[in-house]
Amino acid sequence: MFYKTIEKEKLKLSFTSYLRRKPELEEKQLEIQMALTKIVGKEDVVTDESQLLSYKYS
């Protein structure tokens, strides 16, 4: 479990994740991110955690 706070301009967002970061997957994540960037372009690949949170829930 980890706790993180993201601050951007006047917005402060804090959250707790019960999923542990796995260093062995970070290289694969970067590889996927680079492949997606080649396909759709950098402006259409979201990597900022505060932006990703909005896609986490429907």
PDB file of N, CA and C in Angstrom:
ATOM      1  N   MET A   1       0.844  -1.173   0.000  1.00  0.00           N
ATOM      2  CA  MET A   1       0.000   0.000   0.000  1.00  0.00           C
ATOM      3  C   MET A   1       0.885   1.231   0.000  1.00  0.00           C
ATOM      4  N   PHE A   2       0.489   2.256  -0.754  1.00  0.00           N
ATOM      5  CA  PHE A   2       1.222   3.499  -0.706  1.00  0.00           C
ATOM      6  C   PHE A   2       0.249   4.671  -0.730  1.00  0.00           C
ATOM      7  N   TYR A   3       0.715   5.779  -0.243  1.00  0.00           N
ATOM      8  CA  TYR A   3      -0.090   6.990  -0.154  1.00  0.00           C
ATOM      9  C   TYR A   3       0.609   8.048  -0.977  1.00  0.00           C
ATOM     10  N   LYS A   4      -0.131   8.786  -1.777  1.00  0.00           N
ATOM     11  CA  LYS A   4       0.474   9.794  -2.621  1.00  0.00           C
ATOM     12  C   LYS A   4      -0.383  11.042  -2.643  1.00  0.00           C
ATOM     13  N   THR A   5       0.276  12.181  -2.696  1.00  0.00           N
ATOM     14  CA  THR A   5      -0.409  13.458  -2.847  1.00  0.00           C
ATOM     15  C   THR A   5       0.092  14.110  -4.119  1.00  0.00           C
ATOM     16  N   ILE A   6      -0.824  14.562  -4.950  1.00  0.00           N
ATOM     17  CA  ILE A   6      -0.486  15.253  -6.183  1.00  0.00           C
ATOM     18  C   ILE A   6      -0.994  16.686  -6.054  1.00  0.00           C
ATOM     19  N   GLU A   7      -0.117  17.648  -6.282  1.00  0.00           N
ATOM     20  CA  GLU A   7      -0.515  19.050  -6.243  1.00  0.00           C
ATOM     21  C   GLU A   7      -0.281  19.662  -7.612  1.00  0.00           C
ATOM     22  N   LYS A   8      -1.312  20.297  -8.151  1.00  0.00           N
ATOM     23  CA  LYS A   8      -1.221  20.943  -9.439  1.00  0.00           C
ATOM     24  C   LYS A   8      -2.034  22.220  -9.368  1.00  0.00           C
ATOM     25  N   GLU A   9      -1.333  23.348  -9.529  1.00  0.00           N
ATOM     26  CA  GLU A   9      -1.936  24.668  -9.402  1.00  0.00           C
ATOM     27  C   GLU A   9      -2.661  24.762  -8.056  1.00  0.00           C
ATOM     28  N   LYS A  10      -3.964  24.982  -8.051  1.00  0.00           N
ATOM     29  CA  LYS A  10      -4.697  25.129  -6.784  1.00  0.00           C
ATOM     30  C   LYS A  10      -5.363  23.830  -6.348  1.00  0.00           C
ATOM     31  N   LEU A  11      -5.128  22.754  -7.082  1.00  0.00           N
ATOM     32  CA  LEU A  11      -5.754  21.469  -6.790  1.00  0.00           C
ATOM     33  C   LEU A  11      -4.782  20.581  -6.025  1.00  0.00           C
ATOM     34  N   LYS A  12      -5.253  20.003  -4.947  1.00  0.00           N
ATOM     35  CA  LYS A  12      -4.443  19.056  -4.183  1.00  0.00           C
ATOM     36  C   LYS A  12      -5.245  17.772  -4.070  1.00  0.00           C
ATOM     37  N   LEU A  13      -4.674  16.679  -4.544  1.00  0.00           N
ATOM     38  CA  LEU A  13      -5.354  15.397  -4.570  1.00  0.00           C
ATOM     39  C   LEU A  13      -4.524  14.384  -3.812  1.00  0.00           C
ATOM     40  N   SER A  14      -5.137  13.721  -2.860  1.00  0.00           N
ATOM     41  CA  SER A  14      -4.446  12.682  -2.099  1.00  0.00           C
ATOM     42  C   SER A  14      -5.195  11.373  -2.275  1.00  0.00           C
ATOM     43  N   PHE A  15      -4.449  10.308  -2.396  1.00  0.00           N
ATOM     44  CA  PHE A  15      -5.098   9.013  -2.528  1.00  0.00           C
ATOM     45  C   PHE A  15      -4.194   7.921  -1.989  1.00  0.00           C
ATOM     46  N   THR A  16      -4.812   6.814  -1.690  1.00  0.00           N
ATOM     47  CA  THR A  16      -4.102   5.634  -1.206  1.00  0.00           C
ATOM     48  C   THR A  16      -4.340   4.511  -2.198  1.00  0.00           C
ATOM     49  N   SER A  17      -3.310   3.810  -2.528  1.00  0.00           N
ATOM     50  CA  SER A  17      -3.446   2.658  -3.420  1.00  0.00           C
ATOM     51  C   SER A  17      -3.069   1.407  -2.649  1.00  0.00           C
ATOM     52  N   TYR A  18      -3.892   0.394  -2.774  1.00  0.00           N
ATOM     53  CA  TYR A  18      -3.596  -0.871  -2.120  1.00  0.00           C
ATOM     54  C   TYR A  18      -2.792  -1.792  -3.032  1.00  0.00           C
ATOM     55  N   LEU A  19      -2.530  -1.297  -4.235  1.00  0.00           N
ATOM     56  CA  LEU A  19      -1.694  -2.058  -5.151  1.00  0.00           C
ATOM     57  C   LEU A  19      -0.259  -1.577  -4.988  1.00  0.00           C
ATOM     58  N   ARG A  20       0.644  -2.491  -4.837  1.00  0.00           N
ATOM     59  CA  ARG A  20       2.047  -2.121  -4.690  1.00  0.00           C
ATOM     60  C   ARG A  20       2.669  -1.922  -6.059  1.00  0.00           C
ATOM     61  N   ARG A  21       3.561  -0.957  -6.117  1.00  0.00           N
ATOM     62  CA  ARG A  21       4.313  -0.756  -7.356  1.00  0.00           C
ATOM     63  C   ARG A  21       5.267  -1.924  -7.530  1.00  0.00           C
ATOM     64  N   LYS A  22       5.363  -2.393  -8.739  1.00  0.00           N
ATOM     65  CA  LYS A  22       6.245  -3.518  -9.019  1.00  0.00           C
ATOM     66  C   LYS A  22       7.340  -3.044  -9.968  1.00  0.00           C
ATOM     67  N   PRO A  23       8.554  -2.885  -9.444  1.00  0.00           N
ATOM     68  CA  PRO A  23       9.663  -2.394 -10.281  1.00  0.00           C
ATOM     69  C   PRO A  23       9.877  -3.228 -11.535  1.00  0.00           C
ATOM     70  N   GLU A  24       9.610  -4.517 -11.473  1.00  0.00           N
ATOM     71  CA  GLU A  24       9.829  -5.379 -12.633  1.00  0.00           C
ATOM     72  C   GLU A  24       8.866  -5.062 -13.780  1.00  0.00           C
ATOM     73  N   LEU A  25       7.749  -4.387 -13.468  1.00  0.00           N
ATOM     74  CA  LEU A  25       6.783  -4.025 -14.504  1.00  0.00           C
ATOM     75  C   LEU A  25       6.997  -2.622 -15.058  1.00  0.00           C
ATOM     76  N   GLU A  26       7.796  -1.806 -14.365  1.00  0.00           N
ATOM     77  CA  GLU A  26       8.004  -0.425 -14.805  1.00  0.00           C
ATOM     78  C   GLU A  26       8.682  -0.361 -16.172  1.00  0.00           C
ATOM     79  N   GLU A  27       9.616  -1.268 -16.452  1.00  0.00           N
ATOM     80  CA  GLU A  27      10.270  -1.293 -17.755  1.00  0.00           C
ATOM     81  C   GLU A  27       9.259  -1.631 -18.855  1.00  0.00           C
ATOM     82  N   LYS A  28       8.392  -2.595 -18.578  1.00  0.00           N
ATOM     83  CA  LYS A  28       7.362  -2.981 -19.545  1.00  0.00           C
ATOM     84  C   LYS A  28       6.382  -1.825 -19.767  1.00  0.00           C
ATOM     85  N   GLN A  29       6.037  -1.114 -18.708  1.00  0.00           N
ATOM     86  CA  GLN A  29       5.136   0.029 -18.815  1.00  0.00           C
ATOM     87  C   GLN A  29       5.745   1.099 -19.717  1.00  0.00           C
ATOM     88  N   LEU A  30       7.019   1.370 -19.553  1.00  0.00           N
ATOM     89  CA  LEU A  30       7.706   2.355 -20.380  1.00  0.00           C
ATOM     90  C   LEU A  30       7.737   1.904 -21.841  1.00  0.00           C
ATOM     91  N   GLU A  31       7.958   0.621 -22.061  1.00  0.00           N
ATOM     92  CA  GLU A  31       7.970   0.063 -23.420  1.00  0.00           C
ATOM     93  C   GLU A  31       6.603   0.246 -24.090  1.00  0.00           C
ATOM     94  N   ILE A  32       5.531  -0.027 -23.352  1.00  0.00           N
ATOM     95  CA  ILE A  32       4.172   0.133 -23.883  1.00  0.00           C
ATOM     96  C   ILE A  32       3.880   1.601 -24.163  1.00  0.00           C
ATOM     97  N   GLN A  33       4.286   2.462 -23.247  1.00  0.00           N
ATOM     98  CA  GLN A  33       4.076   3.903 -23.410  1.00  0.00           C
ATOM     99  C   GLN A  33       4.776   4.412 -24.674  1.00  0.00           C
ATOM    100  N   MET A  34       5.998   3.960 -24.922  1.00  0.00           N
ATOM    101  CA  MET A  34       6.731   4.377 -26.116  1.00  0.00           C
ATOM    102  C   MET A  34       6.062   3.869 -27.385  1.00  0.00           C
ATOM    103  N   ALA A  35       5.557   2.633 -27.354  1.00  0.00           N
ATOM    104  CA  ALA A  35       4.867   2.072 -28.514  1.00  0.00           C
ATOM    105  C   ALA A  35       3.586   2.848 -28.812  1.00  0.00           C
ATOM    106  N   LEU A  36       2.826   3.172 -27.772  1.00  0.00           N
ATOM    107  CA  LEU A  36       1.597   3.956 -27.959  1.00  0.00           C
ATOM    108  C   LEU A  36       1.904   5.345 -28.495  1.00  0.00           C
ATOM    109  N   THR A  37       2.981   5.938 -28.018  1.00  0.00           N
ATOM    110  CA  THR A  37       3.379   7.270 -28.481  1.00  0.00           C
ATOM    111  C   THR A  37       3.695   7.241 -29.975  1.00  0.00           C
ATOM    112  N   LYS A  38       4.344   6.192 -30.431  1.00  0.00           N
ATOM    113  CA  LYS A  38       4.642   6.063 -31.861  1.00  0.00           C
ATOM    114  C   LYS A  38       3.365   5.935 -32.680  1.00  0.00           C
ATOM    115  N   ILE A  39       2.355   5.277 -32.131  1.00  0.00           N
ATOM    116  CA  ILE A  39       1.114   5.035 -32.860  1.00  0.00           C
ATOM    117  C   ILE A  39       0.225   6.272 -32.893  1.00  0.00           C
ATOM    118  N   VAL A  40      -0.034   6.880 -31.719  1.00  0.00           N
ATOM    119  CA  VAL A  40      -1.017   7.975 -31.647  1.00  0.00           C
ATOM    120  C   VAL A  40      -0.406   9.346 -31.408  1.00  0.00           C
ATOM    121  N   GLY A  41       0.870   9.417 -31.086  1.00  0.00           N
ATOM    122  CA  GLY A  41       1.511  10.704 -30.820  1.00  0.00           C
ATOM    123  C   GLY A  41       1.530  11.011 -29.335  1.00  0.00           C
ATOM    124  N   LYS A  42       2.525  11.791 -28.928  1.00  0.00           N
ATOM    125  CA  LYS A  42       2.740  12.087 -27.513  1.00  0.00           C
ATOM    126  C   LYS A  42       1.555  12.803 -26.861  1.00  0.00           C
ATOM    127  N   GLU A  43       0.898  13.697 -27.614  1.00  0.00           N
ATOM    128  CA  GLU A  43      -0.200  14.482 -27.039  1.00  0.00           C
ATOM    129  C   GLU A  43      -1.430  13.639 -26.698  1.00  0.00           C
ATOM    130  N   ASP A  44      -1.524  12.424 -27.229  1.00  0.00           N
ATOM    131  CA  ASP A  44      -2.680  11.565 -26.970  1.00  0.00           C
ATOM    132  C   ASP A  44      -2.385  10.403 -26.023  1.00  0.00           C
ATOM    133  N   VAL A  45      -1.209  10.405 -25.408  1.00  0.00           N
ATOM    134  CA  VAL A  45      -0.865   9.372 -24.428  1.00  0.00           C
ATOM    135  C   VAL A  45      -0.851  10.040 -23.050  1.00  0.00           C
ATOM    136  N   VAL A  46      -1.753   9.612 -22.177  1.00  0.00           N
ATOM    137  CA  VAL A  46      -1.873  10.192 -20.841  1.00  0.00           C
ATOM    138  C   VAL A  46      -1.021   9.385 -19.866  1.00  0.00           C
ATOM    139  N   THR A  47      -0.083  10.073 -19.187  1.00  0.00           N
ATOM    140  CA  THR A  47       0.773   9.402 -18.206  1.00  0.00           C
ATOM    141  C   THR A  47       0.729  10.073 -16.843  1.00  0.00           C
ATOM    142  N   ASP A  48       0.163  11.276 -16.774  1.00  0.00           N
ATOM    143  CA  ASP A  48       0.075  12.006 -15.519  1.00  0.00           C
ATOM    144  C   ASP A  48      -0.934  11.323 -14.593  1.00  0.00           C
ATOM    145  N   GLU A  49      -0.494  10.982 -13.384  1.00  0.00           N
ATOM    146  CA  GLU A  49      -1.357  10.216 -12.469  1.00  0.00           C
ATOM    147  C   GLU A  49      -2.649  10.944 -12.122  1.00  0.00           C
ATOM    148  N   SER A  50      -2.611  12.261 -12.017  1.00  0.00           N
ATOM    149  CA  SER A  50      -3.837  12.989 -11.685  1.00  0.00           C
ATOM    150  C   SER A  50      -4.848  12.904 -12.824  1.00  0.00           C
ATOM    151  N   GLN A  51      -4.383  12.878 -14.056  1.00  0.00           N
ATOM    152  CA  GLN A  51      -5.281  12.720 -15.198  1.00  0.00           C
ATOM    153  C   GLN A  51      -5.786  11.280 -15.294  1.00  0.00           C
ATOM    154  N   LEU A  52      -4.932  10.327 -15.000  1.00  0.00           N
ATOM    155  CA  LEU A  52      -5.324   8.922 -15.081  1.00  0.00           C
ATOM    156  C   LEU A  52      -6.414   8.560 -14.086  1.00  0.00           C
ATOM    157  N   LEU A  53      -6.459   9.239 -12.951  1.00  0.00           N
ATOM    158  CA  LEU A  53      -7.485   8.954 -11.948  1.00  0.00           C
ATOM    159  C   LEU A  53      -8.892   9.160 -12.503  1.00  0.00           C
ATOM    160  N   SER A  54      -9.061  10.124 -13.405  1.00  0.00           N
ATOM    161  CA  SER A  54     -10.388  10.372 -13.953  1.00  0.00           C
ATOM    162  C   SER A  54     -10.855   9.213 -14.831  1.00  0.00           C
ATOM    163  N   TYR A  55      -9.931   8.403 -15.353  1.00  0.00           N
ATOM    164  CA  TYR A  55     -10.286   7.253 -16.168  1.00  0.00           C
ATOM    165  C   TYR A  55     -10.455   5.973 -15.334  1.00  0.00           C
ATOM    166  N   LYS A  56     -10.116   6.046 -14.079  1.00  0.00           N
ATOM    167  CA  LYS A  56     -10.142   4.861 -13.221  1.00  0.00           C
ATOM    168  C   LYS A  56     -11.566   4.419 -12.881  1.00  0.00           C
ATOM    169  N   TYR A  57     -12.491   5.350 -12.818  1.00  0.00           N
ATOM    170  CA  TYR A  57     -13.869   5.052 -12.426  1.00  0.00           C
ATOM    171  C   TYR A  57     -14.827   5.399 -13.548  1.00  0.00           C
ATOM    172  N   SER A  58     -15.909   4.637 -13.675  1.00  0.00           N
ATOM    173  CA  SER A  58     -16.912   4.982 -14.671  1.00  0.00           C
ATOM    174  C   SER A  58     -18.164   5.481 -14.032  1.00  0.00           C
TER     175      SER A  58
END
